[in-house]
Amino acid sequence: MSRANRPGRAWWTRVRAGYEEGADEAGGERPLAGYVLLLGAYSAFAAGLACAVRRWGSPGARPAAGDLALVAVAAFQSSRTLAKDAVTSPLRAPFTTYRGTAGPGEVTEAPRPGPVRHAVGELLSCPLCMAQWTATAGVAGLALCPRATRWATAGLTAVAAADVLHFGYARLQQAAE
């Protein structure tokens, strides 16, 4: 088999081109080069945290169930804040464009064109995508500085609980009218 016809060669050519055409559900383009960059960035982020935990943390210690619950709720809240909150939109602005409001204090944004900007825009405007990064940081934080991480995750968990109470209160007000 010649070098040019090897499996994977066509894939790498598409990645180098920046986009894979017709690959998503809507028949649009997927920013493969941007995704490769993000995969590399996440891998470096996770590897750096793992090295830091090995050097300065307690790698053998396992997080307690309560700590993991706090990190889970904190990852939900922080990823939602980073990806949807109107106040954090300046952080996303180089990679996204404003589309409209999405609910109380939240906005809808779309990724900007360009393979890297599009992929980063997708990451920054997607709470589910951001949760991977925030949860990784939270778990590493438990191993590196558990006391500070518990404080931060408890605060974010309290904000998430307050949001639930706000929405519940608003629902009760609507029902009373």
C-alpha atoms as a PDB file:
ATOM      1  CA  MET A   1       0.000   0.000   0.000  1.00  0.00           C
ATOM      2  CA  SER A   2       1.469   3.352  -0.967  1.00  0.00           C
ATOM      3  CA  ARG A   3       1.997   6.097   1.605  1.00  0.00           C
ATOM      4  CA  ALA A   4      -0.638   8.298  -0.004  1.00  0.00           C
ATOM      5  CA  ASN A   5      -3.320   5.593   0.214  1.00  0.00           C
ATOM      6  CA  ARG A   6      -2.743   4.512   3.800  1.00  0.00           C
ATOM      7  CA  PRO A   7      -5.816   4.562   6.086  1.00  0.00           C
ATOM      8  CA  GLY A   8      -5.828   7.701   8.164  1.00  0.00           C
ATOM      9  CA  ARG A   9      -4.034   9.763   5.546  1.00  0.00           C
ATOM     10  CA  ALA A  10      -7.302  11.237   4.249  1.00  0.00           C
ATOM     11  CA  TRP A  11      -8.349  12.021   7.820  1.00  0.00           C
ATOM     12  CA  TRP A  12      -5.114  13.868   8.516  1.00  0.00           C
ATOM     13  CA  THR A  13      -5.491  15.800   5.261  1.00  0.00           C
ATOM     14  CA  ARG A  14      -8.956  16.933   6.398  1.00  0.00           C
ATOM     15  CA  VAL A  15      -7.609  17.895   9.816  1.00  0.00           C
ATOM     16  CA  ARG A  16      -4.816  19.941   8.260  1.00  0.00           C
ATOM     17  CA  ALA A  17      -7.373  21.642   6.030  1.00  0.00           C
ATOM     18  CA  GLY A  18      -9.176  22.719   9.189  1.00  0.00           C
ATOM     19  CA  TYR A  19     -12.659  21.382   8.530  1.00  0.00           C
ATOM     20  CA  GLU A  20     -14.366  18.142   7.674  1.00  0.00           C
ATOM     21  CA  GLU A  21     -17.242  18.886   5.323  1.00  0.00           C
ATOM     22  CA  GLY A  22     -20.712  17.411   5.712  1.00  0.00           C
ATOM     23  CA  ALA A  23     -19.787  15.611   8.905  1.00  0.00           C
ATOM     24  CA  ASP A  24     -22.344  16.943  11.370  1.00  0.00           C
ATOM     25  CA  GLU A  25     -26.057  16.150  11.579  1.00  0.00           C
ATOM     26  CA  ALA A  26     -27.016  19.303   9.666  1.00  0.00           C
ATOM     27  CA  GLY A  27     -24.561  18.598   6.847  1.00  0.00           C
ATOM     28  CA  GLY A  28     -22.272  21.436   7.920  1.00  0.00           C
ATOM     29  CA  GLU A  29     -18.592  21.486   8.663  1.00  0.00           C
ATOM     30  CA  ARG A  30     -16.801  20.271  11.793  1.00  0.00           C
ATOM     31  CA  PRO A  31     -13.669  22.152  12.882  1.00  0.00           C
ATOM     32  CA  LEU A  32     -11.326  19.163  13.172  1.00  0.00           C
ATOM     33  CA  ALA A  33      -8.141  21.229  13.513  1.00  0.00           C
ATOM     34  CA  GLY A  34      -9.723  23.169  16.377  1.00  0.00           C
ATOM     35  CA  TYR A  35     -10.852  19.959  18.042  1.00  0.00           C
ATOM     36  CA  VAL A  36      -7.331  18.534  17.792  1.00  0.00           C
ATOM     37  CA  LEU A  37      -6.008  21.700  19.428  1.00  0.00           C
ATOM     38  CA  LEU A  38      -8.589  21.457  22.236  1.00  0.00           C
ATOM     39  CA  LEU A  39      -7.830  17.766  22.780  1.00  0.00           C
ATOM     40  CA  GLY A  40      -4.162  18.649  23.100  1.00  0.00           C
ATOM     41  CA  ALA A  41      -4.927  21.534  25.465  1.00  0.00           C
ATOM     42  CA  TYR A  42      -7.132  19.358  27.679  1.00  0.00           C
ATOM     43  CA  SER A  43      -4.537  16.586  27.687  1.00  0.00           C
ATOM     44  CA  ALA A  44      -1.824  19.066  28.700  1.00  0.00           C
ATOM     45  CA  PHE A  45      -4.138  20.544  31.366  1.00  0.00           C
ATOM     46  CA  ALA A  46      -4.930  17.116  32.829  1.00  0.00           C
ATOM     47  CA  ALA A  47      -1.308  15.937  32.607  1.00  0.00           C
ATOM     48  CA  GLY A  48      -0.095  19.117  34.307  1.00  0.00           C
ATOM     49  CA  LEU A  49      -2.609  18.648  37.109  1.00  0.00           C
ATOM     50  CA  ALA A  50      -1.638  14.982  37.454  1.00  0.00           C
ATOM     51  CA  CYS A  51       2.056  15.943  37.740  1.00  0.00           C
ATOM     52  CA  ALA A  52       1.209  18.603  40.300  1.00  0.00           C
ATOM     53  CA  VAL A  53      -0.843  16.113  42.320  1.00  0.00           C
ATOM     54  CA  ARG A  54       1.967  13.584  42.176  1.00  0.00           C
ATOM     55  CA  ARG A  55       4.529  16.158  43.309  1.00  0.00           C
ATOM     56  CA  TRP A  56       2.617  18.247  45.850  1.00  0.00           C
ATOM     57  CA  GLY A  57      -0.702  16.546  46.481  1.00  0.00           C
ATOM     58  CA  SER A  58      -1.922  13.354  47.977  1.00  0.00           C
ATOM     59  CA  PRO A  59      -2.357  11.097  44.924  1.00  0.00           C
ATOM     60  CA  GLY A  60      -3.227   8.021  46.988  1.00  0.00           C
ATOM     61  CA  ALA A  61      -6.058   9.742  48.825  1.00  0.00           C
ATOM     62  CA  ARG A  62      -9.469   9.169  47.339  1.00  0.00           C
ATOM     63  CA  PRO A  63     -12.087  11.895  47.492  1.00  0.00           C
ATOM     64  CA  ALA A  64     -14.955  11.229  49.863  1.00  0.00           C
ATOM     65  CA  ALA A  65     -18.453  10.859  48.433  1.00  0.00           C
ATOM     66  CA  GLY A  66     -19.424  14.231  49.896  1.00  0.00           C
ATOM     67  CA  ASP A  67     -16.451  15.897  48.220  1.00  0.00           C
ATOM     68  CA  LEU A  68     -17.390  14.370  44.879  1.00  0.00           C
ATOM     69  CA  ALA A  69     -20.979  15.553  45.314  1.00  0.00           C
ATOM     70  CA  LEU A  70     -19.722  19.095  45.980  1.00  0.00           C
ATOM     71  CA  VAL A  71     -17.432  18.948  42.940  1.00  0.00           C
ATOM     72  CA  ALA A  72     -20.297  17.634  40.779  1.00  0.00           C
ATOM     73  CA  VAL A  73     -22.645  20.473  41.723  1.00  0.00           C
ATOM     74  CA  ALA A  74     -19.794  23.006  41.530  1.00  0.00           C
ATOM     75  CA  ALA A  75     -18.838  21.733  38.056  1.00  0.00           C
ATOM     76  CA  PHE A  76     -22.463  22.129  36.981  1.00  0.00           C
ATOM     77  CA  GLN A  77     -22.708  25.655  38.369  1.00  0.00           C
ATOM     78  CA  SER A  78     -19.308  26.908  37.238  1.00  0.00           C
ATOM     79  CA  SER A  79     -19.639  25.457  33.731  1.00  0.00           C
ATOM     80  CA  ARG A  80     -23.109  26.976  33.394  1.00  0.00           C
ATOM     81  CA  THR A  81     -21.795  30.351  34.615  1.00  0.00           C
ATOM     82  CA  LEU A  82     -18.815  30.263  32.249  1.00  0.00           C
ATOM     83  CA  ALA A  83     -20.839  29.101  29.236  1.00  0.00           C
ATOM     84  CA  LYS A  84     -24.159  30.933  29.579  1.00  0.00           C
ATOM     85  CA  ASP A  85     -23.980  33.814  32.063  1.00  0.00           C
ATOM     86  CA  ALA A  86     -24.386  37.280  30.549  1.00  0.00           C
ATOM     87  CA  VAL A  87     -21.669  38.655  32.831  1.00  0.00           C
ATOM     88  CA  THR A  88     -19.066  36.204  31.506  1.00  0.00           C
ATOM     89  CA  SER A  89     -19.873  36.938  27.842  1.00  0.00           C
ATOM     90  CA  PRO A  90     -16.769  39.176  27.452  1.00  0.00           C
ATOM     91  CA  LEU A  91     -14.648  36.061  28.089  1.00  0.00           C
ATOM     92  CA  ARG A  92     -16.433  34.242  25.260  1.00  0.00           C
ATOM     93  CA  ALA A  93     -16.706  37.223  22.870  1.00  0.00           C
ATOM     94  CA  PRO A  94     -13.507  36.526  20.854  1.00  0.00           C
ATOM     95  CA  PHE A  95     -14.885  33.065  20.035  1.00  0.00           C
ATOM     96  CA  THR A  96     -18.679  33.518  19.950  1.00  0.00           C
ATOM     97  CA  THR A  97     -21.345  35.865  18.619  1.00  0.00           C
ATOM     98  CA  TYR A  98     -24.412  36.919  20.574  1.00  0.00           C
ATOM     99  CA  ARG A  99     -27.706  35.375  19.377  1.00  0.00           C
ATOM    100  CA  GLY A 100     -30.154  36.401  22.107  1.00  0.00           C
ATOM    101  CA  THR A 101     -31.280  35.793  25.656  1.00  0.00           C
ATOM    102  CA  ALA A 102     -31.788  32.262  26.909  1.00  0.00           C
ATOM    103  CA  GLY A 103     -33.381  32.812  30.303  1.00  0.00           C
ATOM    104  CA  PRO A 104     -32.784  34.836  33.433  1.00  0.00           C
ATOM    105  CA  GLY A 105     -29.211  36.164  33.214  1.00  0.00           C
ATOM    106  CA  GLU A 106     -28.278  33.763  30.405  1.00  0.00           C
ATOM    107  CA  VAL A 107     -27.482  34.295  26.736  1.00  0.00           C
ATOM    108  CA  THR A 108     -27.350  32.183  23.612  1.00  0.00           C
ATOM    109  CA  GLU A 109     -24.208  32.462  21.512  1.00  0.00           C
ATOM    110  CA  ALA A 110     -22.880  30.801  18.381  1.00  0.00           C
ATOM    111  CA  PRO A 111     -19.260  29.995  17.542  1.00  0.00           C
ATOM    112  CA  ARG A 112     -17.376  32.373  15.249  1.00  0.00           C
ATOM    113  CA  PRO A 113     -15.976  31.087  11.934  1.00  0.00           C
ATOM    114  CA  GLY A 114     -12.511  29.613  11.619  1.00  0.00           C
ATOM    115  CA  PRO A 115     -11.476  26.104  12.681  1.00  0.00           C
ATOM    116  CA  VAL A 116      -9.901  27.059  16.015  1.00  0.00           C
ATOM    117  CA  ARG A 117     -12.257  29.903  16.910  1.00  0.00           C
ATOM    118  CA  HIS A 118     -15.253  27.710  16.046  1.00  0.00           C
ATOM    119  CA  ALA A 119     -14.080  24.798  18.200  1.00  0.00           C
ATOM    120  CA  VAL A 120     -13.179  27.063  21.147  1.00  0.00           C
ATOM    121  CA  GLY A 121     -16.492  28.882  20.697  1.00  0.00           C
ATOM    122  CA  GLU A 122     -18.352  25.572  20.905  1.00  0.00           C
ATOM    123  CA  LEU A 123     -16.471  24.671  24.085  1.00  0.00           C
ATOM    124  CA  LEU A 124     -17.005  28.044  25.750  1.00  0.00           C
ATOM    125  CA  SER A 125     -20.728  28.230  24.942  1.00  0.00           C
ATOM    126  CA  CYS A 126     -21.576  24.654  25.977  1.00  0.00           C
ATOM    127  CA  PRO A 127     -22.083  23.978  29.701  1.00  0.00           C
ATOM    128  CA  LEU A 128     -21.821  20.214  29.129  1.00  0.00           C
ATOM    129  CA  CYS A 129     -18.466  20.675  27.391  1.00  0.00           C
ATOM    130  CA  MET A 130     -17.122  23.052  30.050  1.00  0.00           C
ATOM    131  CA  ALA A 131     -18.125  20.664  32.850  1.00  0.00           C
ATOM    132  CA  GLN A 132     -15.313  18.264  31.855  1.00  0.00           C
ATOM    133  CA  TRP A 133     -12.730  20.986  32.410  1.00  0.00           C
ATOM    134  CA  THR A 134     -14.239  22.346  35.633  1.00  0.00           C
ATOM    135  CA  ALA A 135     -14.721  18.884  37.141  1.00  0.00           C
ATOM    136  CA  THR A 136     -11.117  17.954  36.308  1.00  0.00           C
ATOM    137  CA  ALA A 137      -9.913  21.106  38.048  1.00  0.00           C
ATOM    138  CA  GLY A 138     -12.163  20.370  41.034  1.00  0.00           C
ATOM    139  CA  VAL A 139     -10.928  16.815  41.506  1.00  0.00           C
ATOM    140  CA  ALA A 140      -7.301  17.942  41.177  1.00  0.00           C
ATOM    141  CA  GLY A 141      -8.040  20.728  43.652  1.00  0.00           C
ATOM    142  CA  LEU A 142      -9.208  18.154  46.187  1.00  0.00           C
ATOM    143  CA  ALA A 143      -5.833  16.416  45.924  1.00  0.00           C
ATOM    144  CA  LEU A 144      -3.723  19.607  45.878  1.00  0.00           C
ATOM    145  CA  CYS A 145      -5.505  21.921  48.287  1.00  0.00           C
ATOM    146  CA  PRO A 146      -8.561  20.154  49.690  1.00  0.00           C
ATOM    147  CA  ARG A 147      -9.537  22.801  52.223  1.00  0.00           C
ATOM    148  CA  ALA A 148      -9.682  25.674  49.709  1.00  0.00           C
ATOM    149  CA  THR A 149     -11.372  23.436  47.137  1.00  0.00           C
ATOM    150  CA  ARG A 150     -14.066  22.458  49.633  1.00  0.00           C
ATOM    151  CA  TRP A 151     -14.718  26.143  50.354  1.00  0.00           C
ATOM    152  CA  ALA A 152     -14.939  27.011  46.657  1.00  0.00           C
ATOM    153  CA  THR A 153     -17.120  24.027  45.770  1.00  0.00           C
ATOM    154  CA  ALA A 154     -19.379  24.660  48.759  1.00  0.00           C
ATOM    155  CA  GLY A 155     -19.848  28.257  47.589  1.00  0.00           C
ATOM    156  CA  LEU A 156     -20.713  27.172  44.048  1.00  0.00           C
ATOM    157  CA  THR A 157     -23.062  24.511  45.425  1.00  0.00           C
ATOM    158  CA  ALA A 158     -24.815  27.175  47.512  1.00  0.00           C
ATOM    159  CA  VAL A 159     -25.238  29.328  44.384  1.00  0.00           C
ATOM    160  CA  ALA A 160     -26.741  26.353  42.518  1.00  0.00           C
ATOM    161  CA  ALA A 161     -29.150  25.755  45.423  1.00  0.00           C
ATOM    162  CA  ALA A 162     -30.069  29.450  45.457  1.00  0.00           C
ATOM    163  CA  ASP A 163     -30.821  29.278  41.717  1.00  0.00           C
ATOM    164  CA  VAL A 164     -33.169  26.343  42.328  1.00  0.00           C
ATOM    165  CA  LEU A 165     -34.904  28.308  45.086  1.00  0.00           C
ATOM    166  CA  HIS A 166     -35.231  31.393  42.840  1.00  0.00           C
ATOM    167  CA  PHE A 167     -36.813  29.375  40.054  1.00  0.00           C
ATOM    168  CA  GLY A 168     -39.084  27.572  42.516  1.00  0.00           C
ATOM    169  CA  TYR A 169     -40.184  30.875  44.031  1.00  0.00           C
ATOM    170  CA  ALA A 170     -40.884  32.349  40.583  1.00  0.00           C
ATOM    171  CA  ARG A 171     -42.932  29.251  39.711  1.00  0.00           C
ATOM    172  CA  LEU A 172     -44.964  29.631  42.925  1.00  0.00           C
ATOM    173  CA  GLN A 173     -45.573  33.311  42.146  1.00  0.00           C
ATOM    174  CA  GLN A 174     -46.855  32.401  38.668  1.00  0.00           C
ATOM    175  CA  ALA A 175     -49.136  29.736  40.131  1.00  0.00           C
ATOM    176  CA  ALA A 176     -50.566  32.225  42.649  1.00  0.00           C
ATOM    177  CA  GLU A 177     -51.506  34.727  39.913  1.00  0.00           C
END
